[in-house]
């Protein structure tokens, strides 16, 4: 029973972290969407002043999305272990 409670607590923590990371992805996405479109560079053209900021936001967005994916995998694993624990407890009763 303690193992089941521990898994439920872990699942709740992962749900909270996932919600936070998804919110962060949304915020970064909005920041990126609010930036002006940068024209494709042409030969000899100067570096666009917003290009660095946009590249940085894209890197942050990719990292946040990666974190969300990793947390989703962890959550699925914990949910599966919890389901298995529930079945085991039902079988033992």
PDB file of N, CA and C in Angstrom:
ATOM      1  N   UNK A   1       0.818  -1.193   0.000  1.00  0.00           N
ATOM      2  CA  UNK A   1       0.000   0.000   0.000  1.00  0.00           C
ATOM      3  C   UNK A   1       0.865   1.262   0.000  1.00  0.00           C
ATOM      4  N   UNK A   2       1.974   1.220   0.744  1.00  0.00           N
ATOM      5  CA  UNK A   2       2.875   2.376   0.780  1.00  0.00           C
ATOM      6  C   UNK A   2       3.475   2.614  -0.595  1.00  0.00           C
ATOM      7  N   UNK A   3       3.789   1.526  -1.295  1.00  0.00           N
ATOM      8  CA  UNK A   3       4.346   1.644  -2.637  1.00  0.00           C
ATOM      9  C   UNK A   3       3.355   2.329  -3.567  1.00  0.00           C
ATOM     10  N   UNK A   4       2.088   1.975  -3.420  1.00  0.00           N
ATOM     11  CA  UNK A   4       1.042   2.580  -4.251  1.00  0.00           C
ATOM     12  C   UNK A   4       0.913   4.073  -3.948  1.00  0.00           C
ATOM     13  N   UNK A   5       0.940   4.419  -2.674  1.00  0.00           N
ATOM     14  CA  UNK A   5       0.865   5.840  -2.292  1.00  0.00           C
ATOM     15  C   UNK A   5       2.074   6.609  -2.815  1.00  0.00           C
ATOM     16  N   UNK A   6       3.216   5.962  -2.753  1.00  0.00           N
ATOM     17  CA  UNK A   6       4.439   6.591  -3.250  1.00  0.00           C
ATOM     18  C   UNK A   6       4.332   6.828  -4.761  1.00  0.00           C
ATOM     19  N   UNK A   7       3.809   5.856  -5.485  1.00  0.00           N
ATOM     20  CA  UNK A   7       3.630   6.003  -6.931  1.00  0.00           C
ATOM     21  C   UNK A   7       2.610   7.093  -7.249  1.00  0.00           C
ATOM     22  N   UNK A   8       1.538   7.163  -6.463  1.00  0.00           N
ATOM     23  CA  UNK A   8       0.536   8.214  -6.667  1.00  0.00           C
ATOM     24  C   UNK A   8       1.137   9.592  -6.420  1.00  0.00           C
ATOM     25  N   UNK A   9       1.976   9.705  -5.398  1.00  0.00           N
ATOM     26  CA  UNK A   9       2.644  10.981  -5.109  1.00  0.00           C
ATOM     27  C   UNK A   9       3.606  11.353  -6.232  1.00  0.00           C
ATOM     28  N   UNK A  10       4.341  10.360  -6.721  1.00  0.00           N
ATOM     29  CA  UNK A  10       5.276  10.602  -7.822  1.00  0.00           C
ATOM     30  C   UNK A  10       4.522  11.031  -9.077  1.00  0.00           C
ATOM     31  N   UNK A  11       3.383  10.401  -9.326  1.00  0.00           N
ATOM     32  CA  UNK A  11       2.561  10.752 -10.480  1.00  0.00           C
ATOM     33  C   UNK A  11       2.039  12.186 -10.355  1.00  0.00           C
ATOM     34  N   UNK A  12       1.626  12.563  -9.161  1.00  0.00           N
ATOM     35  CA  UNK A  12       1.143  13.930  -8.931  1.00  0.00           C
ATOM     36  C   UNK A  12       2.255  14.951  -9.166  1.00  0.00           C
ATOM     37  N   UNK A  13       3.465  14.637  -8.706  1.00  0.00           N
ATOM     38  CA  UNK A  13       4.608  15.538  -8.930  1.00  0.00           C
ATOM     39  C   UNK A  13       4.901  15.682 -10.418  1.00  0.00           C
ATOM     40  N   UNK A  14       4.876  14.552 -11.123  1.00  0.00           N
ATOM     41  CA  UNK A  14       5.135  14.594 -12.564  1.00  0.00           C
ATOM     42  C   UNK A  14       4.049  15.379 -13.292  1.00  0.00           C
ATOM     43  N   UNK A  15       2.800  15.220 -12.870  1.00  0.00           N
ATOM     44  CA  UNK A  15       1.709  15.988 -13.475  1.00  0.00           C
ATOM     45  C   UNK A  15       1.925  17.489 -13.280  1.00  0.00           C
ATOM     46  N   UNK A  16       2.353  17.870 -12.079  1.00  0.00           N
ATOM     47  CA  UNK A  16       2.603  19.287 -11.794  1.00  0.00           C
ATOM     48  C   UNK A  16       3.764  19.813 -12.629  1.00  0.00           C
ATOM     49  N   UNK A  17       4.844  19.036 -12.709  1.00  0.00           N
ATOM     50  CA  UNK A  17       5.998  19.459 -13.512  1.00  0.00           C
ATOM     51  C   UNK A  17       5.632  19.554 -14.985  1.00  0.00           C
ATOM     52  N   UNK A  18       4.839  18.588 -15.452  1.00  0.00           N
ATOM     53  CA  UNK A  18       4.402  18.616 -16.846  1.00  0.00           C
ATOM     54  C   UNK A  18       3.574  19.862 -17.130  1.00  0.00           C
ATOM     55  N   UNK A  19       2.671  20.188 -16.229  1.00  0.00           N
ATOM     56  CA  UNK A  19       1.851  21.389 -16.406  1.00  0.00           C
ATOM     57  C   UNK A  19       2.733  22.634 -16.457  1.00  0.00           C
ATOM     58  N   UNK A  20       3.719  22.705 -15.559  1.00  0.00           N
ATOM     59  CA  UNK A  20       4.637  23.851 -15.544  1.00  0.00           C
ATOM     60  C   UNK A  20       5.435  23.945 -16.841  1.00  0.00           C
ATOM     61  N   UNK A  21       5.958  22.816 -17.298  1.00  0.00           N
ATOM     62  CA  UNK A  21       6.766  22.820 -18.524  1.00  0.00           C
ATOM     63  C   UNK A  21       5.920  23.147 -19.750  1.00  0.00           C
ATOM     64  N   UNK A  22       4.700  22.623 -19.782  1.00  0.00           N
ATOM     65  CA  UNK A  22       3.813  22.944 -20.911  1.00  0.00           C
ATOM     66  C   UNK A  22       3.482  24.430 -20.923  1.00  0.00           C
ATOM     67  N   UNK A  23       3.291  25.005 -19.734  1.00  0.00           N
ATOM     68  CA  UNK A  23       3.043  26.444 -19.642  1.00  0.00           C
ATOM     69  C   UNK A  23       4.269  27.218 -20.123  1.00  0.00           C
ATOM     70  N   UNK A  24       5.452  26.759 -19.751  1.00  0.00           N
ATOM     71  CA  UNK A  24       6.687  27.417 -20.196  1.00  0.00           C
ATOM     72  C   UNK A  24       6.823  27.339 -21.711  1.00  0.00           C
ATOM     73  N   UNK A  25       6.474  26.190 -22.295  1.00  0.00           N
ATOM     74  CA  UNK A  25       6.511  26.052 -23.757  1.00  0.00           C
ATOM     75  C   UNK A  25       5.569  27.067 -24.384  1.00  0.00           C
ATOM     76  N   UNK A  26       4.389  27.204 -23.809  1.00  0.00           N
ATOM     77  CA  UNK A  26       3.406  28.148 -24.329  1.00  0.00           C
ATOM     78  C   UNK A  26       3.925  29.586 -24.267  1.00  0.00           C
ATOM     79  N   UNK A  27       4.552  29.936 -23.156  1.00  0.00           N
ATOM     80  CA  UNK A  27       5.093  31.292 -22.987  1.00  0.00           C
ATOM     81  C   UNK A  27       6.195  31.562 -24.007  1.00  0.00           C
ATOM     82  N   UNK A  28       7.118  30.618 -24.155  1.00  0.00           N
ATOM     83  CA  UNK A  28       8.221  30.803 -25.111  1.00  0.00           C
ATOM     84  C   UNK A  28       7.671  30.862 -26.532  1.00  0.00           C
ATOM     85  N   UNK A  29       6.682  30.017 -26.821  1.00  0.00           N
ATOM     86  CA  UNK A  29       6.066  30.023 -28.155  1.00  0.00           C
ATOM     87  C   UNK A  29       5.442  31.392 -28.442  1.00  0.00           C
ATOM     88  N   UNK A  30       4.757  31.962 -27.457  1.00  0.00           N
ATOM     89  CA  UNK A  30       4.160  33.296 -27.622  1.00  0.00           C
ATOM     90  C   UNK A  30       5.239  34.356 -27.831  1.00  0.00           C
ATOM     91  N   UNK A  31       6.334  34.244 -27.074  1.00  0.00           N
ATOM     92  CA  UNK A  31       7.439  35.190 -27.248  1.00  0.00           C
ATOM     93  C   UNK A  31       8.009  35.092 -28.655  1.00  0.00           C
ATOM     94  N   UNK A  32       8.146  33.873 -29.128  1.00  0.00           N
ATOM     95  CA  UNK A  32       8.686  33.659 -30.468  1.00  0.00           C
ATOM     96  C   UNK A  32       7.718  34.183 -31.526  1.00  0.00           C
ATOM     97  N   UNK A  33       6.431  33.924 -31.320  1.00  0.00           N
ATOM     98  CA  UNK A  33       5.424  34.385 -32.280  1.00  0.00           C
ATOM     99  C   UNK A  33       5.313  35.904 -32.322  1.00  0.00           C
ATOM    100  N   UNK A  34       5.651  36.567 -31.225  1.00  0.00           N
ATOM    101  CA  UNK A  34       5.541  38.025 -31.183  1.00  0.00           C
ATOM    102  C   UNK A  34       6.727  38.728 -31.851  1.00  0.00           C
ATOM    103  N   UNK A  35       7.761  37.975 -32.162  1.00  0.00           N
ATOM    104  CA  UNK A  35       8.927  38.560 -32.832  1.00  0.00           C
ATOM    105  C   UNK A  35       8.594  38.829 -34.293  1.00  0.00           C
ATOM    106  N   UNK A  36       9.183  39.869 -34.853  1.00  0.00           N
ATOM    107  CA  UNK A  36       8.939  40.139 -36.275  1.00  0.00           C
ATOM    108  C   UNK A  36       9.575  39.058 -37.148  1.00  0.00           C
ATOM    109  N   UNK A  37       8.971  38.832 -38.293  1.00  0.00           N
ATOM    110  CA  UNK A  37       9.551  37.879 -39.236  1.00  0.00           C
ATOM    111  C   UNK A  37      10.890  38.411 -39.718  1.00  0.00           C
ATOM    112  N   UNK A  38      11.845  37.526 -39.792  1.00  0.00           N
ATOM    113  CA  UNK A  38      13.182  37.913 -40.231  1.00  0.00           C
ATOM    114  C   UNK A  38      13.348  37.442 -41.670  1.00  0.00           C
ATOM    115  N   UNK A  39      13.650  38.365 -42.568  1.00  0.00           N
ATOM    116  CA  UNK A  39      13.830  37.952 -43.959  1.00  0.00           C
ATOM    117  C   UNK A  39      15.055  37.048 -44.100  1.00  0.00           C
ATOM    118  N   UNK A  40      14.984  36.177 -45.080  1.00  0.00           N
ATOM    119  CA  UNK A  40      16.124  35.296 -45.345  1.00  0.00           C
ATOM    120  C   UNK A  40      17.329  36.152 -45.700  1.00  0.00           C
ATOM    121  N   UNK A  41      18.494  35.792 -45.165  1.00  0.00           N
ATOM    122  CA  UNK A  41      19.683  36.601 -45.461  1.00  0.00           C
ATOM    123  C   UNK A  41      20.098  36.438 -46.923  1.00  0.00           C
ATOM    124  N   UNK A  42      20.564  37.521 -47.466  1.00  0.00           N
ATOM    125  CA  UNK A  42      21.090  37.455 -48.828  1.00  0.00           C
ATOM    126  C   UNK A  42      22.597  37.657 -48.754  1.00  0.00           C
ATOM    127  N   UNK A  43      23.257  37.363 -49.831  1.00  0.00           N
ATOM    128  CA  UNK A  43      24.716  37.479 -49.873  1.00  0.00           C
ATOM    129  C   UNK A  43      25.108  38.921 -49.575  1.00  0.00           C
ATOM    130  N   UNK A  44      25.976  39.079 -48.617  1.00  0.00           N
ATOM    131  CA  UNK A  44      26.469  40.403 -48.266  1.00  0.00           C
ATOM    132  C   UNK A  44      25.544  41.193 -47.361  1.00  0.00           C
ATOM    133  N   UNK A  45      24.399  40.625 -46.997  1.00  0.00           N
ATOM    134  CA  UNK A  45      23.459  41.347 -46.136  1.00  0.00           C
ATOM    135  C   UNK A  45      23.965  41.333 -44.696  1.00  0.00           C
ATOM    136  N   UNK A  46      23.634  42.372 -43.980  1.00  0.00           N
ATOM    137  CA  UNK A  46      24.026  42.459 -42.571  1.00  0.00           C
ATOM    138  C   UNK A  46      23.166  41.501 -41.744  1.00  0.00           C
ATOM    139  N   UNK A  47      23.712  41.052 -40.621  1.00  0.00           N
ATOM    140  CA  UNK A  47      22.994  40.175 -39.696  1.00  0.00           C
ATOM    141  C   UNK A  47      21.813  40.952 -39.134  1.00  0.00           C
ATOM    142  N   UNK A  48      20.647  40.358 -39.160  1.00  0.00           N
ATOM    143  CA  UNK A  48      19.444  41.022 -38.652  1.00  0.00           C
ATOM    144  C   UNK A  48      19.544  41.140 -37.128  1.00  0.00           C
ATOM    145  N   UNK A  49      19.224  42.300 -36.565  1.00  0.00           N
ATOM    146  CA  UNK A  49      19.378  42.503 -35.118  1.00  0.00           C
ATOM    147  C   UNK A  49      18.531  41.553 -34.260  1.00  0.00           C
ATOM    148  N   UNK A  50      17.417  41.064 -34.770  1.00  0.00           N
ATOM    149  CA  UNK A  50      16.557  40.162 -34.007  1.00  0.00           C
ATOM    150  C   UNK A  50      16.970  38.698 -34.153  1.00  0.00           C
ATOM    151  N   UNK A  51      17.871  38.411 -35.066  1.00  0.00           N
ATOM    152  CA  UNK A  51      18.209  37.018 -35.378  1.00  0.00           C
ATOM    153  C   UNK A  51      18.750  36.269 -34.162  1.00  0.00           C
ATOM    154  N   UNK A  52      19.599  36.916 -33.387  1.00  0.00           N
ATOM    155  CA  UNK A  52      20.171  36.248 -32.216  1.00  0.00           C
ATOM    156  C   UNK A  52      19.081  35.922 -31.193  1.00  0.00           C
ATOM    157  N   UNK A  53      18.206  36.879 -30.932  1.00  0.00           N
ATOM    158  CA  UNK A  53      17.128  36.666 -29.958  1.00  0.00           C
ATOM    159  C   UNK A  53      16.195  35.546 -30.417  1.00  0.00           C
ATOM    160  N   UNK A  54      15.891  35.519 -31.704  1.00  0.00           N
ATOM    161  CA  UNK A  54      15.015  34.476 -32.242  1.00  0.00           C
ATOM    162  C   UNK A  54      15.690  33.112 -32.143  1.00  0.00           C
ATOM    163  N   UNK A  55      16.972  33.053 -32.472  1.00  0.00           N
ATOM    164  CA  UNK A  55      17.707  31.789 -32.376  1.00  0.00           C
ATOM    165  C   UNK A  55      17.747  31.295 -30.930  1.00  0.00           C
ATOM    166  N   UNK A  56      17.927  32.211 -30.009  1.00  0.00           N
ATOM    167  CA  UNK A  56      17.949  31.854 -28.592  1.00  0.00           C
ATOM    168  C   UNK A  56      16.587  31.324 -28.142  1.00  0.00           C
ATOM    169  N   UNK A  57      15.516  31.984 -28.556  1.00  0.00           N
ATOM    170  CA  UNK A  57      14.175  31.521 -28.202  1.00  0.00           C
ATOM    171  C   UNK A  57      13.881  30.147 -28.799  1.00  0.00           C
ATOM    172  N   UNK A  58      14.338  29.922 -30.014  1.00  0.00           N
ATOM    173  CA  UNK A  58      14.133  28.607 -30.639  1.00  0.00           C
ATOM    174  C   UNK A  58      14.871  27.514 -29.870  1.00  0.00           C
ATOM    175  N   UNK A  59      16.070  27.829 -29.404  1.00  0.00           N
ATOM    176  CA  UNK A  59      16.838  26.857 -28.615  1.00  0.00           C
ATOM    177  C   UNK A  59      16.137  26.564 -27.290  1.00  0.00           C
ATOM    178  N   UNK A  60      15.636  27.601 -26.646  1.00  0.00           N
ATOM    179  CA  UNK A  60      14.911  27.425 -25.384  1.00  0.00           C
ATOM    180  C   UNK A  60      13.641  26.608 -25.623  1.00  0.00           C
ATOM    181  N   UNK A  61      12.933  26.906 -26.702  1.00  0.00           N
ATOM    182  CA  UNK A  61      11.714  26.173 -27.027  1.00  0.00           C
ATOM    183  C   UNK A  61      12.010  24.694 -27.264  1.00  0.00           C
ATOM    184  N   UNK A  62      13.070  24.412 -27.998  1.00  0.00           N
ATOM    185  CA  UNK A  62      13.450  23.014 -28.259  1.00  0.00           C
ATOM    186  C   UNK A  62      13.791  22.292 -26.957  1.00  0.00           C
ATOM    187  N   UNK A  63      14.509  22.965 -26.070  1.00  0.00           N
ATOM    188  CA  UNK A  63      14.871  22.352 -24.788  1.00  0.00           C
ATOM    189  C   UNK A  63      13.633  22.089 -23.932  1.00  0.00           C
ATOM    190  N   UNK A  64      12.716  23.042 -23.906  1.00  0.00           N
ATOM    191  CA  UNK A  64      11.482  22.867 -23.124  1.00  0.00           C
ATOM    192  C   UNK A  64      10.641  21.723 -23.686  1.00  0.00           C
ATOM    193  N   UNK A  65      10.540  21.655 -25.007  1.00  0.00           N
ATOM    194  CA  UNK A  65       9.773  20.567 -25.631  1.00  0.00           C
ATOM    195  C   UNK A  65      10.414  19.213 -25.324  1.00  0.00           C
ATOM    196  N   UNK A  66      11.728  19.179 -25.320  1.00  0.00           N
ATOM    197  CA  UNK A  66      12.435  17.948 -24.986  1.00  0.00           C
ATOM    198  C   UNK A  66      12.136  17.535 -23.544  1.00  0.00           C
ATOM    199  N   UNK A  67      12.116  18.503 -22.659  1.00  0.00           N
ATOM    200  CA  UNK A  67      11.797  18.233 -21.257  1.00  0.00           C
ATOM    201  C   UNK A  67      10.375  17.695 -21.126  1.00  0.00           C
ATOM    202  N   UNK A  68       9.436  18.295 -21.859  1.00  0.00           N
ATOM    203  CA  UNK A  68       8.050  17.816 -21.832  1.00  0.00           C
ATOM    204  C   UNK A  68       7.986  16.370 -22.305  1.00  0.00           C
ATOM    205  N   UNK A  69       8.677  16.063 -23.385  1.00  0.00           N
ATOM    206  CA  UNK A  69       8.675  14.687 -23.909  1.00  0.00           C
ATOM    207  C   UNK A  69       9.242  13.705 -22.889  1.00  0.00           C
ATOM    208  N   UNK A  70      10.345  14.090 -22.259  1.00  0.00           N
ATOM    209  CA  UNK A  70      10.972  13.225 -21.258  1.00  0.00           C
ATOM    210  C   UNK A  70      10.037  13.008 -20.068  1.00  0.00           C
ATOM    211  N   UNK A  71       9.384  14.070 -19.621  1.00  0.00           N
ATOM    212  CA  UNK A  71       8.454  13.952 -18.496  1.00  0.00           C
ATOM    213  C   UNK A  71       7.239  13.102 -18.863  1.00  0.00           C
ATOM    214  N   UNK A  72       6.776  13.211 -20.102  1.00  0.00           N
ATOM    215  CA  UNK A  72       5.649  12.383 -20.539  1.00  0.00           C
ATOM    216  C   UNK A  72       6.012  10.899 -20.500  1.00  0.00           C
ATOM    217  N   UNK A  73       7.235  10.586 -20.904  1.00  0.00           N
ATOM    218  CA  UNK A  73       7.693   9.193 -20.855  1.00  0.00           C
ATOM    219  C   UNK A  73       7.778   8.719 -19.404  1.00  0.00           C
ATOM    220  N   UNK A  74       8.343   9.557 -18.537  1.00  0.00           N
ATOM    221  CA  UNK A  74       8.435   9.199 -17.114  1.00  0.00           C
ATOM    222  C   UNK A  74       7.046   9.008 -16.512  1.00  0.00           C
ATOM    223  N   UNK A  75       6.126   9.907 -16.862  1.00  0.00           N
ATOM    224  CA  UNK A  75       4.768   9.828 -16.332  1.00  0.00           C
ATOM    225  C   UNK A  75       4.091   8.539 -16.780  1.00  0.00           C
ATOM    226  N   UNK A  76       4.261   8.191 -18.044  1.00  0.00           N
ATOM    227  CA  UNK A  76       3.662   6.955 -18.560  1.00  0.00           C
ATOM    228  C   UNK A  76       4.216   5.734 -17.823  1.00  0.00           C
ATOM    229  N   UNK A  77       5.509   5.749 -17.541  1.00  0.00           N
ATOM    230  CA  UNK A  77       6.126   4.627 -16.824  1.00  0.00           C
ATOM    231  C   UNK A  77       5.587   4.525 -15.401  1.00  0.00           C
ATOM    232  N   UNK A  78       5.465   5.652 -14.727  1.00  0.00           N
ATOM    233  CA  UNK A  78       4.943   5.646 -13.353  1.00  0.00           C
ATOM    234  C   UNK A  78       3.471   5.233 -13.357  1.00  0.00           C
ATOM    235  N   UNK A  79       2.708   5.730 -14.318  1.00  0.00           N
ATOM    236  CA  UNK A  79       1.293   5.357 -14.407  1.00  0.00           C
ATOM    237  C   UNK A  79       1.145   3.854 -14.639  1.00  0.00           C
ATOM    238  N   UNK A  80       2.010   3.291 -15.459  1.00  0.00           N
ATOM    239  CA  UNK A  80       1.967   1.844 -15.711  1.00  0.00           C
ATOM    240  C   UNK A  80       2.315   1.064 -14.442  1.00  0.00           C
ATOM    241  N   UNK A  81       3.329   1.530 -13.709  1.00  0.00           N
ATOM    242  CA  UNK A  81       3.695   0.860 -12.453  1.00  0.00           C
ATOM    243  C   UNK A  81       2.566   0.965 -11.430  1.00  0.00           C
ATOM    244  N   UNK A  82       1.903   2.117 -11.405  1.00  0.00           N
ATOM    245  CA  UNK A  82       0.781   2.308 -10.485  1.00  0.00           C
ATOM    246  C   UNK A  82      -0.372   1.376 -10.853  1.00  0.00           C
ATOM    247  N   UNK A  83      -0.669   1.284 -12.122  1.00  0.00           N
ATOM    248  CA  UNK A  83      -1.734   0.383 -12.576  1.00  0.00           C
ATOM    249  C   UNK A  83      -1.402  -1.066 -12.219  1.00  0.00           C
ATOM    250  N   UNK A  84      -0.146  -1.420 -12.392  1.00  0.00           N
ATOM    251  CA  UNK A  84       0.301  -2.772 -12.044  1.00  0.00           C
ATOM    252  C   UNK A  84       0.154  -3.012 -10.536  1.00  0.00           C
ATOM    253  N   UNK A  85       0.502  -2.017  -9.744  1.00  0.00           N
ATOM    254  CA  UNK A  85       0.369  -2.137  -8.286  1.00  0.00           C
ATOM    255  C   UNK A  85      -1.099  -2.279  -7.890  1.00  0.00           C
ATOM    256  N   UNK A  86      -1.982  -1.540  -8.562  1.00  0.00           N
ATOM    257  CA  UNK A  86      -3.416  -1.648  -8.270  1.00  0.00           C
ATOM    258  C   UNK A  86      -3.923  -3.051  -8.591  1.00  0.00           C
ATOM    259  N   UNK A  87      -3.506  -3.575  -9.736  1.00  0.00           N
ATOM    260  CA  UNK A  87      -3.930  -4.930 -10.122  1.00  0.00           C
ATOM    261  C   UNK A  87      -3.405  -5.968  -9.127  1.00  0.00           C
ATOM    262  N   UNK A  88      -2.159  -5.788  -8.717  1.00  0.00           N
ATOM    263  CA  UNK A  88      -1.548  -6.721  -7.762  1.00  0.00           C
ATOM    264  C   UNK A  88      -2.319  -6.709  -6.446  1.00  0.00           C
ATOM    265  N   UNK A  89      -2.676  -5.491  -5.989  1.00  0.00           N
ATOM    266  CA  UNK A  89      -3.423  -5.369  -4.732  1.00  0.00           C
ATOM    267  C   UNK A  89      -4.815  -5.975  -4.850  1.00  0.00           C
ATOM    268  N   UNK A  90      -5.455  -5.830  -6.005  1.00  0.00           N
ATOM    269  CA  UNK A  90      -6.780  -6.422  -6.205  1.00  0.00           C
ATOM    270  C   UNK A  90      -6.685  -7.944  -6.215  1.00  0.00           C
ATOM    271  N   UNK A  91      -5.634  -8.456  -6.841  1.00  0.00           N
ATOM    272  CA  UNK A  91      -5.451  -9.903  -6.901  1.00  0.00           C
ATOM    273  C   UNK A  91      -5.145 -10.501  -5.545  1.00  0.00           C
ATOM    274  N   UNK A  92      -4.499  -9.726  -4.687  1.00  0.00           N
ATOM    275  CA  UNK A  92      -4.125 -10.215  -3.361  1.00  0.00           C
ATOM    276  C   UNK A  92      -5.265 -10.159  -2.365  1.00  0.00           C
ATOM    277  N   UNK A  93      -6.284  -9.371  -2.665  1.00  0.00           N
ATOM    278  CA  UNK A  93      -7.419  -9.226  -1.735  1.00  0.00           C
ATOM    279  C   UNK A  93      -8.468 -10.262  -1.960  1.00  0.00           C
TER     280      UNK A  93
END
